[in-house]
Amino acid sequence: MTRKATIAACIILLVSACEKKPEVSEPIASKQPVLVSLSGIRYYEPEWPPRVKAKLDSNLVIAQRNFKNDPSEENYIWLGRRLAYLYEYDSAIGVFSEGLQKYPESYKLLRHRGHRYITERKFDDAIEDLERAAELMKGLPLEPEPDGAPNKFNIQLSNTQFNVWYHLGLVHYLKGEFAKSEHAYLECLKVSNNDDLLAATVDWLYMTYRRAGKHAEATKLLSLIHDDMTIIENESYFLRLNLYRGKLKPEDVLNVSDTTEDADLNVATQGYGVGNWYLVNGDTSMANDIFEKVVDGKHFSAFGFIAAEVELIAAGSYKSR
């Protein structure tokens, strides 16, 4: 296959994956946007499958009841998380903020508010929270973090320390502060205590190194990745890593079936990784084409989606939808 044909195939695969899913729901008179993109595009709550919406609503009711009975640190966290899963980002941040007034030393509340500041594209606020969380949790043992949406094996993989460093590395990356991103991800490596967390950290650190021009460090880092890793949740990152390792072609990573669980998220995650791969290898035109397809997708809270917005704005080529 010629290079031109390969590029065309990559675009077709990503377009197909995006088009097979409904677009973000159109606003109606009484509907308010749930957030505004970096370029001023307003995003609205998408249509929910009835069963999914019923489950999320039920989980929120439980969180509200638990909070009413006991406004503990953990119940502040779960109330905010449940609101955020329903796209109520402002309300979630408000809950975390109220919790921090009562529990000002809570690195866990700071971790979650920092995450949602990233969702809302408030990068400086996120950095302030996550740096404070990193300071407060210094020297403490790893603390497992319960999953809001458990994986298919119901195996808990994450920990609070990982999430603080991971999100701090991400937000510095989004701001183009690659030295600070590198520091955060090196700390994140220390607490990436299973293959899923390792894959996520190595992926973003690899991209950080490439963007900083540290190509030798990026290549050496890939030695941490091997074929027989046990990946439960972060398959998209593992696919991206195998692209960097030369074991997959770009079109292999972009080929997201519309029947795949979390297809919209995978389109954003895998699409951004491939676009960035083209970018660091000098094909800016192809990179921007893929970034455009990512932001034409549905999962506007995905980190790959936000990163694609950042790249397009930096390139001066963000097209309104």
Protein backbone atom coordinates (compact mmCIF):
# COMPACT_ATOMS: atom_id res chain seq x y z
CA MET A 1 0.00 0.00 0.00
CA THR A 2 1.37 3.40 -0.95
CA ARG A 3 1.84 6.10 1.69
CA LYS A 4 -1.00 8.11 0.13
CA ALA A 5 -3.34 5.13 0.26
CA THR A 6 -2.35 4.41 3.87
CA ILE A 7 -3.17 7.97 4.90
CA ALA A 8 -6.53 7.77 3.16
CA ALA A 9 -7.30 4.45 4.87
CA CYS A 10 -6.46 5.91 8.30
CA ILE A 11 -8.84 8.81 7.80
CA ILE A 12 -11.62 6.55 6.52
CA LEU A 13 -11.30 4.26 9.55
CA LEU A 14 -11.53 7.11 12.04
CA VAL A 15 -14.35 8.84 10.19
CA SER A 16 -16.33 5.60 10.09
CA ALA A 17 -15.88 5.04 13.79
CA CYS A 18 -17.10 8.55 14.54
CA GLU A 19 -20.02 8.53 12.11
CA LYS A 20 -21.52 5.29 13.36
CA LYS A 21 -22.20 6.90 16.73
CA PRO A 22 -24.79 9.65 17.17
CA GLU A 23 -23.46 13.18 17.38
CA VAL A 24 -23.61 15.13 20.61
CA SER A 25 -27.26 15.97 21.08
CA GLU A 26 -28.47 19.22 19.59
CA PRO A 27 -29.51 21.87 22.12
CA ILE A 28 -33.16 22.50 22.80
CA ALA A 29 -34.62 25.69 24.20
CA SER A 30 -34.41 24.61 27.85
CA LYS A 31 -31.04 22.85 27.60
CA GLN A 32 -27.78 24.38 28.79
CA PRO A 33 -24.32 23.33 27.62
CA VAL A 34 -22.43 21.10 30.04
CA LEU A 35 -19.11 22.69 29.06
CA VAL A 36 -17.47 24.90 26.46
CA SER A 37 -14.44 23.80 24.47
CA LEU A 38 -11.17 25.68 24.18
CA SER A 39 -12.39 27.14 20.89
CA GLY A 40 -15.78 28.18 22.27
CA ILE A 41 -17.82 25.23 21.00
CA ARG A 42 -20.68 24.38 23.34
CA TYR A 43 -21.17 20.75 24.25
CA TYR A 44 -24.46 19.34 25.47
CA GLU A 45 -25.40 16.21 27.36
CA PRO A 46 -25.69 13.40 24.80
CA GLU A 47 -28.58 11.00 24.50
CA TRP A 48 -28.35 8.15 27.01
CA PRO A 49 -29.35 4.53 26.49
CA PRO A 50 -32.30 4.23 28.93
CA ARG A 51 -30.75 1.45 30.98
CA VAL A 52 -27.46 3.31 31.40
CA LYS A 53 -29.23 6.53 32.41
CA ALA A 54 -31.38 4.67 34.93
CA LYS A 55 -28.30 3.12 36.52
CA LEU A 56 -26.46 6.45 36.75
CA ASP A 57 -29.52 8.16 38.21
CA SER A 58 -29.91 5.38 40.76
CA ASN A 59 -26.23 5.66 41.76
CA LEU A 60 -26.66 9.41 42.22
CA VAL A 61 -29.70 8.92 44.46
CA ILE A 62 -27.70 6.52 46.62
CA ALA A 63 -24.80 9.00 46.82
CA GLN A 64 -27.18 11.81 47.78
CA ARG A 65 -28.77 9.68 50.48
CA ASN A 66 -25.39 8.61 51.88
CA PHE A 67 -24.21 12.21 51.91
CA LYS A 68 -27.34 13.41 53.67
CA ASN A 69 -26.86 10.77 56.37
CA ASP A 70 -23.12 11.40 56.71
CA PRO A 71 -21.33 14.30 54.95
CA SER A 72 -17.96 12.56 55.30
CA GLU A 73 -14.94 13.11 53.07
CA GLU A 74 -15.70 9.92 51.14
CA ASN A 75 -19.36 10.84 50.67
CA TYR A 76 -18.40 14.28 49.37
CA ILE A 77 -16.15 12.50 46.87
CA TRP A 78 -18.81 10.05 45.73
CA LEU A 79 -21.49 12.70 45.40
CA GLY A 80 -19.19 14.77 43.22
CA ARG A 81 -18.14 11.76 41.14
CA ARG A 82 -21.72 10.66 40.54
CA LEU A 83 -22.68 14.17 39.42
CA ALA A 84 -19.72 14.30 37.04
CA TYR A 85 -20.66 10.96 35.45
CA LEU A 86 -23.96 12.65 34.52
CA TYR A 87 -22.14 15.60 32.90
CA GLU A 88 -22.98 17.90 35.81
CA TYR A 89 -19.41 19.18 36.00
CA ASP A 90 -20.10 22.54 37.63
CA SER A 91 -22.18 20.86 40.33
CA ALA A 92 -19.47 18.26 40.89
CA ILE A 93 -16.79 20.91 41.29
CA GLY A 94 -19.09 22.75 43.68
CA VAL A 95 -19.45 19.63 45.83
CA PHE A 96 -15.68 19.03 45.88
CA SER A 97 -15.12 22.69 46.78
CA GLU A 98 -17.61 22.54 49.64
CA GLY A 99 -15.93 19.36 50.84
CA LEU A 100 -12.56 21.08 50.83
CA GLN A 101 -13.92 23.79 53.10
CA LYS A 102 -14.71 21.06 55.62
CA TYR A 103 -11.68 18.85 54.84
CA PRO A 104 -9.00 21.31 53.66
CA GLU A 105 -6.21 18.72 53.85
CA SER A 106 -8.01 16.20 51.65
CA TYR A 107 -5.67 15.29 48.81
CA LYS A 108 -8.41 12.99 47.52
CA LEU A 109 -10.92 15.81 47.11
CA LEU A 110 -8.19 17.87 45.44
CA ARG A 111 -7.41 14.97 43.10
CA HIS A 112 -11.04 14.75 41.96
CA ARG A 113 -11.59 18.48 41.65
CA GLY A 114 -8.35 18.75 39.68
CA HIS A 115 -9.58 16.08 37.29
CA ARG A 116 -12.82 17.95 36.65
CA TYR A 117 -11.01 21.23 36.17
CA ILE A 118 -9.21 19.47 33.31
CA THR A 119 -12.57 18.37 31.93
CA GLU A 120 -13.69 22.00 31.99
CA ARG A 121 -10.40 23.10 30.35
CA LYS A 122 -9.38 25.10 33.44
CA PHE A 123 -5.79 23.95 33.36
CA ASP A 124 -4.24 26.39 35.84
CA ASP A 125 -6.88 25.56 38.46
CA ALA A 126 -6.19 21.86 37.91
CA ILE A 127 -2.45 22.35 38.39
CA GLU A 128 -3.00 24.23 41.64
CA ASP A 129 -5.19 21.44 43.04
CA LEU A 130 -3.03 18.55 41.88
CA GLU A 131 0.23 20.09 43.06
CA ARG A 132 -1.35 20.68 46.46
CA ALA A 133 -2.60 17.07 46.50
CA ALA A 134 0.90 15.80 45.67
CA GLU A 135 2.33 17.77 48.58
CA LEU A 136 -0.31 16.55 51.04
CA MET A 137 0.05 12.86 50.12
CA LYS A 138 3.87 12.87 50.23
CA GLY A 139 5.20 9.90 52.18
CA LEU A 140 1.83 8.20 52.62
CA PRO A 141 1.30 4.55 51.63
CA LEU A 142 -0.49 3.81 48.37
CA GLU A 143 -4.23 4.16 48.77
CA PRO A 144 -6.43 2.07 46.44
CA GLU A 145 -9.09 4.18 44.74
CA PRO A 146 -12.54 2.62 44.19
CA ASP A 147 -13.74 2.55 40.59
CA GLY A 148 -16.81 4.54 39.62
CA ALA A 149 -17.33 2.25 36.63
CA PRO A 150 -15.82 -1.15 37.52
CA ASN A 151 -14.14 -3.12 34.73
CA LYS A 152 -15.59 -6.36 33.39
CA PHE A 153 -13.63 -8.43 35.92
CA ASN A 154 -14.51 -6.09 38.80
CA ILE A 155 -10.80 -5.83 39.61
CA GLN A 156 -9.74 -2.61 41.29
CA LEU A 157 -6.60 -1.34 39.58
CA SER A 158 -6.14 2.33 40.44
CA ASN A 159 -4.72 4.19 43.41
CA THR A 160 -5.01 7.80 44.52
CA GLN A 161 -1.29 8.54 44.23
CA PHE A 162 -1.28 7.33 40.62
CA ASN A 163 -4.26 9.50 39.77
CA VAL A 164 -2.74 12.63 41.27
CA TRP A 165 0.55 12.26 39.35
CA TYR A 166 -1.16 11.04 36.18
CA HIS A 167 -3.52 14.00 35.97
CA LEU A 168 -0.77 16.44 36.94
CA GLY A 169 1.44 15.09 34.16
CA LEU A 170 -1.46 15.33 31.73
CA VAL A 171 -2.35 18.94 32.49
CA HIS A 172 1.29 20.05 32.18
CA TYR A 173 1.44 18.18 28.86
CA LEU A 174 -1.70 19.97 27.67
CA LYS A 175 -0.04 23.29 28.51
CA GLY A 176 3.12 22.32 26.62
CA GLU A 177 5.12 22.26 29.87
CA PHE A 178 6.97 19.10 28.99
CA ALA A 179 9.70 19.27 31.64
CA LYS A 180 7.06 19.49 34.38
CA SER A 181 5.02 16.78 32.69
CA GLU A 182 8.09 14.54 32.59
CA HIS A 183 8.67 15.03 36.33
CA ALA A 184 5.06 14.14 37.16
CA TYR A 185 5.06 11.03 34.98
CA LEU A 186 8.36 9.81 36.42
CA GLU A 187 6.71 10.06 39.84
CA CYS A 188 3.67 8.32 38.39
CA LEU A 189 5.86 5.42 37.22
CA LYS A 190 6.82 4.79 40.84
CA VAL A 191 3.19 4.11 41.78
CA SER A 192 2.11 2.32 38.57
CA ASN A 193 1.87 -1.03 40.30
CA ASN A 194 0.12 -3.09 37.62
CA ASP A 195 0.28 -3.43 33.84
CA ASP A 196 -2.73 -1.21 33.17
CA LEU A 197 -1.30 1.70 35.11
CA LEU A 198 2.14 1.10 33.63
CA ALA A 199 0.77 1.21 30.09
CA ALA A 200 -1.04 4.49 30.69
CA THR A 201 1.97 6.15 32.31
CA VAL A 202 4.52 4.93 29.77
CA ASP A 203 2.29 6.08 26.92
CA TRP A 204 1.99 9.68 28.13
CA LEU A 205 5.63 9.84 29.23
CA TYR A 206 6.70 8.52 25.82
CA MET A 207 4.69 11.27 24.11
CA THR A 208 6.12 13.82 26.56
CA TYR A 209 9.67 12.75 25.72
CA ARG A 210 8.97 12.88 21.98
CA ARG A 211 7.45 16.36 22.23
CA ALA A 212 10.46 17.52 24.26
CA GLY A 213 12.85 16.14 21.65
CA LYS A 214 14.16 13.45 24.01
CA HIS A 215 13.99 10.68 21.45
CA ALA A 216 16.60 8.40 23.05
CA GLU A 217 14.77 8.52 26.38
CA ALA A 218 11.48 7.77 24.61
CA THR A 219 12.95 4.72 22.87
CA LYS A 220 14.51 3.41 26.09
CA LEU A 221 11.22 3.83 27.93
CA LEU A 222 9.48 1.41 25.57
CA SER A 223 11.62 -1.42 27.00
CA LEU A 224 9.13 -1.45 29.91
CA ILE A 225 6.43 -2.69 27.53
CA HIS A 226 6.24 -6.33 26.45
CA ASP A 227 3.85 -8.53 24.52
CA ASP A 228 2.54 -10.62 27.41
CA MET A 229 1.34 -7.77 29.63
CA THR A 230 -2.02 -8.30 31.34
CA ILE A 231 -4.15 -5.38 30.18
CA ILE A 232 -7.68 -5.21 31.58
CA GLU A 233 -8.76 -1.60 31.08
CA ASN A 234 -6.16 0.30 29.07
CA GLU A 235 -6.22 -1.54 25.78
CA SER A 236 -6.24 1.76 23.86
CA TYR A 237 -2.96 2.78 25.46
CA PHE A 238 -1.47 -0.65 24.80
CA LEU A 239 -2.40 -0.33 21.14
CA ARG A 240 -0.76 3.10 20.97
CA LEU A 241 2.37 1.71 22.62
CA ASN A 242 2.55 -1.07 20.06
CA LEU A 243 2.38 1.56 17.33
CA TYR A 244 5.37 3.30 18.91
CA ARG A 245 7.15 -0.07 19.16
CA GLY A 246 6.62 -0.67 15.44
CA LYS A 247 4.38 -3.69 16.02
CA LEU A 248 1.21 -2.05 14.65
CA LYS A 249 0.47 0.28 11.77
CA PRO A 250 -1.46 3.52 12.26
CA GLU A 251 -4.54 2.10 10.56
CA ASP A 252 -4.53 -0.84 13.00
CA VAL A 253 -4.84 1.56 15.95
CA LEU A 254 -7.49 3.70 14.26
CA ASN A 255 -9.71 0.74 13.47
CA VAL A 256 -12.33 1.07 16.23
CA SER A 257 -15.47 -1.02 15.77
CA ASP A 258 -18.74 0.74 16.59
CA THR A 259 -19.70 -2.38 18.57
CA THR A 260 -16.72 -1.98 20.90
CA GLU A 261 -17.54 -1.06 24.46
CA ASP A 262 -16.68 2.62 24.98
CA ALA A 263 -16.17 3.06 21.23
CA ASP A 264 -16.40 6.86 21.45
CA LEU A 265 -13.74 6.98 24.14
CA ASN A 266 -11.51 4.64 22.14
CA VAL A 267 -11.85 6.81 19.03
CA ALA A 268 -10.65 9.84 21.01
CA THR A 269 -7.85 8.00 22.82
CA GLN A 270 -6.51 5.98 19.91
CA GLY A 271 -7.07 8.79 17.43
CA TYR A 272 -5.09 11.31 19.46
CA GLY A 273 -2.23 8.84 19.91
CA VAL A 274 -1.99 8.22 16.17
CA GLY A 275 -2.29 11.92 15.38
CA ASN A 276 0.51 12.73 17.82
CA TRP A 277 2.64 9.93 16.32
CA TYR A 278 2.32 11.57 12.92
CA LEU A 279 3.05 14.97 14.47
CA VAL A 280 6.30 13.96 16.17
CA ASN A 281 7.36 12.16 12.99
CA GLY A 282 6.98 15.33 10.97
CA ASP A 283 3.65 14.85 9.17
CA THR A 284 1.75 17.85 10.51
CA SER A 285 -0.93 17.74 7.82
CA MET A 286 -1.87 14.14 8.56
CA ALA A 287 -1.75 14.82 12.31
CA ASN A 288 -4.16 17.72 12.04
CA ASP A 289 -6.53 15.74 9.81
CA ILE A 290 -6.74 13.06 12.51
CA PHE A 291 -7.12 15.61 15.30
CA GLU A 292 -10.04 17.11 13.39
CA LYS A 293 -11.71 13.72 13.24
CA VAL A 294 -11.18 13.24 16.98
CA VAL A 295 -12.93 16.52 17.84
CA ASP A 296 -15.73 15.63 15.42
CA GLY A 297 -16.47 12.72 17.76
CA LYS A 298 -18.76 12.48 20.73
CA HIS A 299 -16.58 11.97 23.81
CA PHE A 300 -15.73 15.60 24.57
CA SER A 301 -14.55 14.85 28.12
CA ALA A 302 -11.90 12.36 26.95
CA PHE A 303 -8.30 13.40 27.46
CA GLY A 304 -7.50 12.55 23.83
CA PHE A 305 -10.31 14.86 22.72
CA ILE A 306 -9.04 17.72 24.90
CA ALA A 307 -5.48 17.14 23.69
CA ALA A 308 -6.65 17.21 20.06
CA GLU A 309 -8.32 20.57 20.76
CA VAL A 310 -5.03 21.89 22.14
CA GLU A 311 -3.09 20.71 19.08
CA LEU A 312 -5.52 22.24 16.61
CA ILE A 313 -5.57 25.57 18.41
CA ALA A 314 -1.76 25.60 18.48
CA ALA A 315 -1.75 24.89 14.73
CA GLY A 316 -4.33 27.63 14.11
CA SER A 317 -6.57 25.16 12.30
CA TYR A 318 -9.48 24.48 14.67
CA LYS A 319 -12.59 24.29 12.52
CA SER A 320 -16.00 24.90 14.06
CA ARG A 321 -18.34 21.95 13.89
